[in-house]
Amino acid sequence: MIVRTQESKSQGSLFAFIDLLFLMVAFLVLLIFFMQLKKTSAESELENVQRELEESTQKQSALEETLNRLAPVLEQFTVRQHREAEKRRAAAAKEIRRRSRATERVVYTISKDGTVVYNNRVYTLAQFKVLIDNMRKTKWIRFRGTATPDTPFGLVVAQRRVLLENSNEFDTYWDNLTTPQEKSEKAEAK
């Protein structure tokens, strides 16, 4: 006799379902792993950016502190530069004004009694100063003063100081020993 065994049902569809379920779980695990990896990477980048921001903020605050300390020095430097530029401009303007005015040479002699001889006329110091002040309005004056040896030196210096006071002019020559005539005679002899 032949015994018949019972046929068993195919389990193939169950295996396929288990395989599919396993693949889905593996996919979800990989997806979670990559998401976690991306999150870690993003957190690390965020920490780097925060650290860089903190460092730049510290550098900026240090820079601001340094600039605050240097601000008075910088201001003094710019003020000093401005003053020097103003002085240079004033000196240049003064030089232009000086060159634009004519120059006159005034040769005078101080006598021992304190009078001034100019162009063969005798003036008191006050009269001579008025004459010089009127000349200064239109011309620059080059002084050449002389005095005889017996004229007190203090008198010569005092009169010279009065004539040159605040004039921006100067004596081109001062001789307390000889008169202009003696000088001209010596010049002619040479």
Protein backbone atom coordinates (compact mmCIF):
# COMPACT_ATOMS: atom_id res chain seq x y z
CA MET A 1 0.00 0.00 0.00
CA ILE A 2 0.92 3.26 -0.73
CA VAL A 3 0.67 5.82 1.92
CA ARG A 4 0.11 9.28 0.91
CA THR A 5 1.76 12.06 2.83
CA GLN A 6 0.04 15.24 3.27
CA GLU A 7 1.36 17.97 1.22
CA SER A 8 2.66 20.90 3.14
CA LYS A 9 1.91 24.42 2.10
CA SER A 10 4.60 26.45 0.57
CA GLN A 11 6.25 28.83 3.02
CA GLY A 12 7.78 30.95 0.25
CA SER A 13 5.53 33.97 0.70
CA LEU A 14 6.28 34.08 4.42
CA PHE A 15 10.01 34.05 3.70
CA ALA A 16 9.57 36.87 1.25
CA PHE A 17 7.60 38.86 3.80
CA ILE A 18 10.27 38.29 6.48
CA ASP A 19 12.99 39.30 4.01
CA LEU A 20 11.08 42.44 3.14
CA LEU A 21 10.52 43.24 6.81
CA PHE A 22 14.23 42.68 7.49
CA LEU A 23 15.18 44.99 4.63
CA MET A 24 12.82 47.68 5.91
CA VAL A 25 14.26 47.45 9.41
CA ALA A 26 17.78 47.58 8.00
CA PHE A 27 16.83 50.61 5.90
CA LEU A 28 15.31 52.36 8.92
CA VAL A 29 18.41 51.58 11.04
CA LEU A 30 20.68 52.96 8.30
CA LEU A 31 18.44 56.01 7.94
CA ILE A 32 18.58 56.62 11.70
CA PHE A 33 22.37 56.12 11.63
CA PHE A 34 22.88 58.65 8.83
CA MET A 35 20.48 61.12 10.44
CA GLN A 36 22.44 60.80 13.70
CA LEU A 37 25.69 61.27 11.78
CA LYS A 38 24.32 64.41 10.08
CA LYS A 39 23.07 65.72 13.43
CA THR A 40 26.51 65.16 15.00
CA SER A 41 28.18 66.87 12.05
CA ALA A 42 25.78 69.83 12.26
CA GLU A 43 26.33 70.13 16.04
CA SER A 44 30.10 70.06 15.51
CA GLU A 45 29.88 72.79 12.84
CA LEU A 46 27.62 74.83 15.11
CA GLU A 47 30.14 74.52 17.95
CA ASN A 48 32.95 75.61 15.60
CA VAL A 49 30.96 78.61 14.42
CA GLN A 50 30.10 79.55 18.01
CA ARG A 51 33.76 79.25 19.02
CA GLU A 52 34.88 81.35 16.04
CA LEU A 53 32.19 83.91 16.83
CA GLU A 54 33.32 84.05 20.45
CA GLU A 55 36.97 84.45 19.39
CA SER A 56 36.10 87.20 16.90
CA THR A 57 33.99 88.93 19.54
CA GLN A 58 36.92 88.77 21.97
CA LYS A 59 39.27 90.05 19.26
CA GLN A 60 36.82 92.82 18.41
CA SER A 61 36.46 93.82 22.06
CA ALA A 62 40.26 93.77 22.42
CA LEU A 63 40.55 95.86 19.27
CA GLU A 64 37.94 98.31 20.54
CA GLU A 65 39.76 98.52 23.87
CA THR A 66 43.05 99.18 22.09
CA LEU A 67 41.43 101.81 19.88
CA ASN A 68 39.89 103.46 22.94
CA ARG A 69 43.34 103.60 24.56
CA LEU A 70 44.92 104.94 21.38
CA ALA A 71 42.18 107.47 20.60
CA PRO A 72 43.67 110.30 22.73
CA VAL A 73 47.12 109.71 21.25
CA LEU A 74 45.68 109.69 17.74
CA GLU A 75 43.72 112.85 18.45
CA GLN A 76 46.83 114.60 19.79
CA PHE A 77 48.74 113.49 16.71
CA THR A 78 46.09 114.85 14.33
CA VAL A 79 45.84 118.11 16.29
CA ARG A 80 49.63 118.47 16.17
CA GLN A 81 49.65 117.73 12.44
CA HIS A 82 46.88 120.28 11.91
CA ARG A 83 48.82 122.92 13.87
CA GLU A 84 51.99 122.23 11.93
CA ALA A 85 50.09 122.45 8.64
CA GLU A 86 48.61 125.77 9.77
CA LYS A 87 52.09 127.02 10.68
CA ARG A 88 53.41 125.98 7.28
CA ARG A 89 50.49 127.70 5.53
CA ALA A 90 50.99 130.85 7.60
CA ALA A 91 54.73 130.82 6.88
CA ALA A 92 54.09 130.36 3.16
CA ALA A 93 51.54 133.18 3.16
CA LYS A 94 53.95 135.37 5.08
CA GLU A 95 56.71 134.58 2.61
CA ILE A 96 54.41 135.46 -0.30
CA ARG A 97 53.46 138.74 1.37
CA ARG A 98 57.11 139.46 2.14
CA ARG A 99 58.16 138.87 -1.45
CA SER A 100 55.34 140.97 -2.83
CA ARG A 101 56.36 144.08 -0.88
CA ALA A 102 59.26 146.25 -1.90
CA THR A 103 62.29 146.43 0.37
CA GLU A 104 63.95 149.63 1.46
CA ARG A 105 67.31 149.87 3.10
CA VAL A 106 67.44 152.29 6.03
CA VAL A 107 70.92 153.35 7.09
CA TYR A 108 70.84 155.33 10.33
CA THR A 109 73.26 156.42 13.04
CA ILE A 110 72.61 156.71 16.74
CA SER A 111 74.46 159.58 18.36
CA LYS A 112 75.62 159.64 21.96
CA ASP A 113 72.81 162.01 23.00
CA GLY A 114 70.20 159.42 21.87
CA THR A 115 69.07 161.09 18.65
CA VAL A 116 68.89 159.29 15.34
CA VAL A 117 70.49 160.64 12.17
CA TYR A 118 68.78 159.47 8.97
CA ASN A 119 69.13 161.08 5.51
CA ASN A 120 71.14 163.92 7.04
CA ARG A 121 68.25 164.84 9.35
CA VAL A 122 68.17 164.48 13.11
CA TYR A 123 65.16 162.72 14.72
CA THR A 124 64.23 161.81 18.25
CA LEU A 125 63.58 158.10 18.73
CA ALA A 126 59.79 158.69 18.80
CA GLN A 127 59.88 160.72 15.54
CA PHE A 128 62.09 158.15 13.86
CA LYS A 129 59.79 155.32 15.00
CA VAL A 130 56.78 157.14 13.48
CA LEU A 131 58.73 157.57 10.22
CA ILE A 132 59.67 153.86 10.22
CA ASP A 133 56.09 152.77 11.04
CA ASN A 134 54.81 154.77 8.05
CA MET A 135 57.44 153.15 5.80
CA ARG A 136 56.44 149.69 7.04
CA LYS A 137 52.94 150.10 5.66
CA THR A 138 54.23 149.82 2.10
CA LYS A 139 57.74 148.35 2.30
CA TRP A 140 59.92 145.92 4.11
CA ILE A 141 62.79 147.61 5.83
CA ARG A 142 66.36 146.40 6.00
CA PHE A 143 68.06 148.25 8.80
CA ARG A 144 71.70 149.12 8.96
CA GLY A 145 72.47 150.95 12.15
CA THR A 146 75.75 152.38 13.31
CA ALA A 147 76.99 154.30 16.29
CA THR A 148 80.22 155.92 17.35
CA PRO A 149 82.37 154.20 19.96
CA ASP A 150 81.52 156.80 22.60
CA THR A 151 77.76 156.07 22.34
CA PRO A 152 76.62 154.03 25.38
CA PHE A 153 75.98 150.47 24.27
CA GLY A 154 72.85 150.19 26.42
CA LEU A 155 71.31 153.16 24.61
CA VAL A 156 72.09 151.56 21.24
CA VAL A 157 70.52 148.24 22.26
CA ALA A 158 67.42 149.91 23.72
CA GLN A 159 66.81 152.01 20.60
CA ARG A 160 67.39 149.05 18.34
CA ARG A 161 64.90 147.00 20.35
CA VAL A 162 62.26 149.75 20.02
CA LEU A 163 62.73 149.96 16.26
CA LEU A 164 62.62 146.21 15.66
CA GLU A 165 59.84 145.36 18.11
CA ASN A 166 57.20 143.08 16.47
CA SER A 167 58.37 144.02 12.99
CA ASN A 168 59.56 140.64 11.67
CA GLU A 169 62.51 142.52 10.22
CA PHE A 170 66.14 142.32 11.19
CA ASP A 171 69.33 144.27 11.23
CA THR A 172 71.50 143.26 8.36
CA TYR A 173 74.48 144.92 9.97
CA TRP A 174 75.33 146.53 13.27
CA ASP A 175 78.64 148.20 13.97
CA ASN A 176 79.19 150.08 17.22
CA LEU A 177 82.68 151.24 16.30
CA THR A 178 82.54 153.27 13.11
CA THR A 179 80.18 155.63 11.31
CA PRO A 180 78.67 154.95 7.88
CA GLN A 181 81.04 157.50 6.29
CA GLU A 182 84.08 155.59 7.57
CA LYS A 183 82.59 152.34 6.23
CA SER A 184 81.95 153.87 2.82
CA GLU A 185 85.49 155.23 2.74
CA LYS A 186 86.84 151.73 3.54
CA ALA A 187 84.64 150.21 0.83
CA GLU A 188 85.87 152.74 -1.72
CA ALA A 189 89.49 152.02 -0.76
CA LYS A 190 89.04 148.32 -1.53
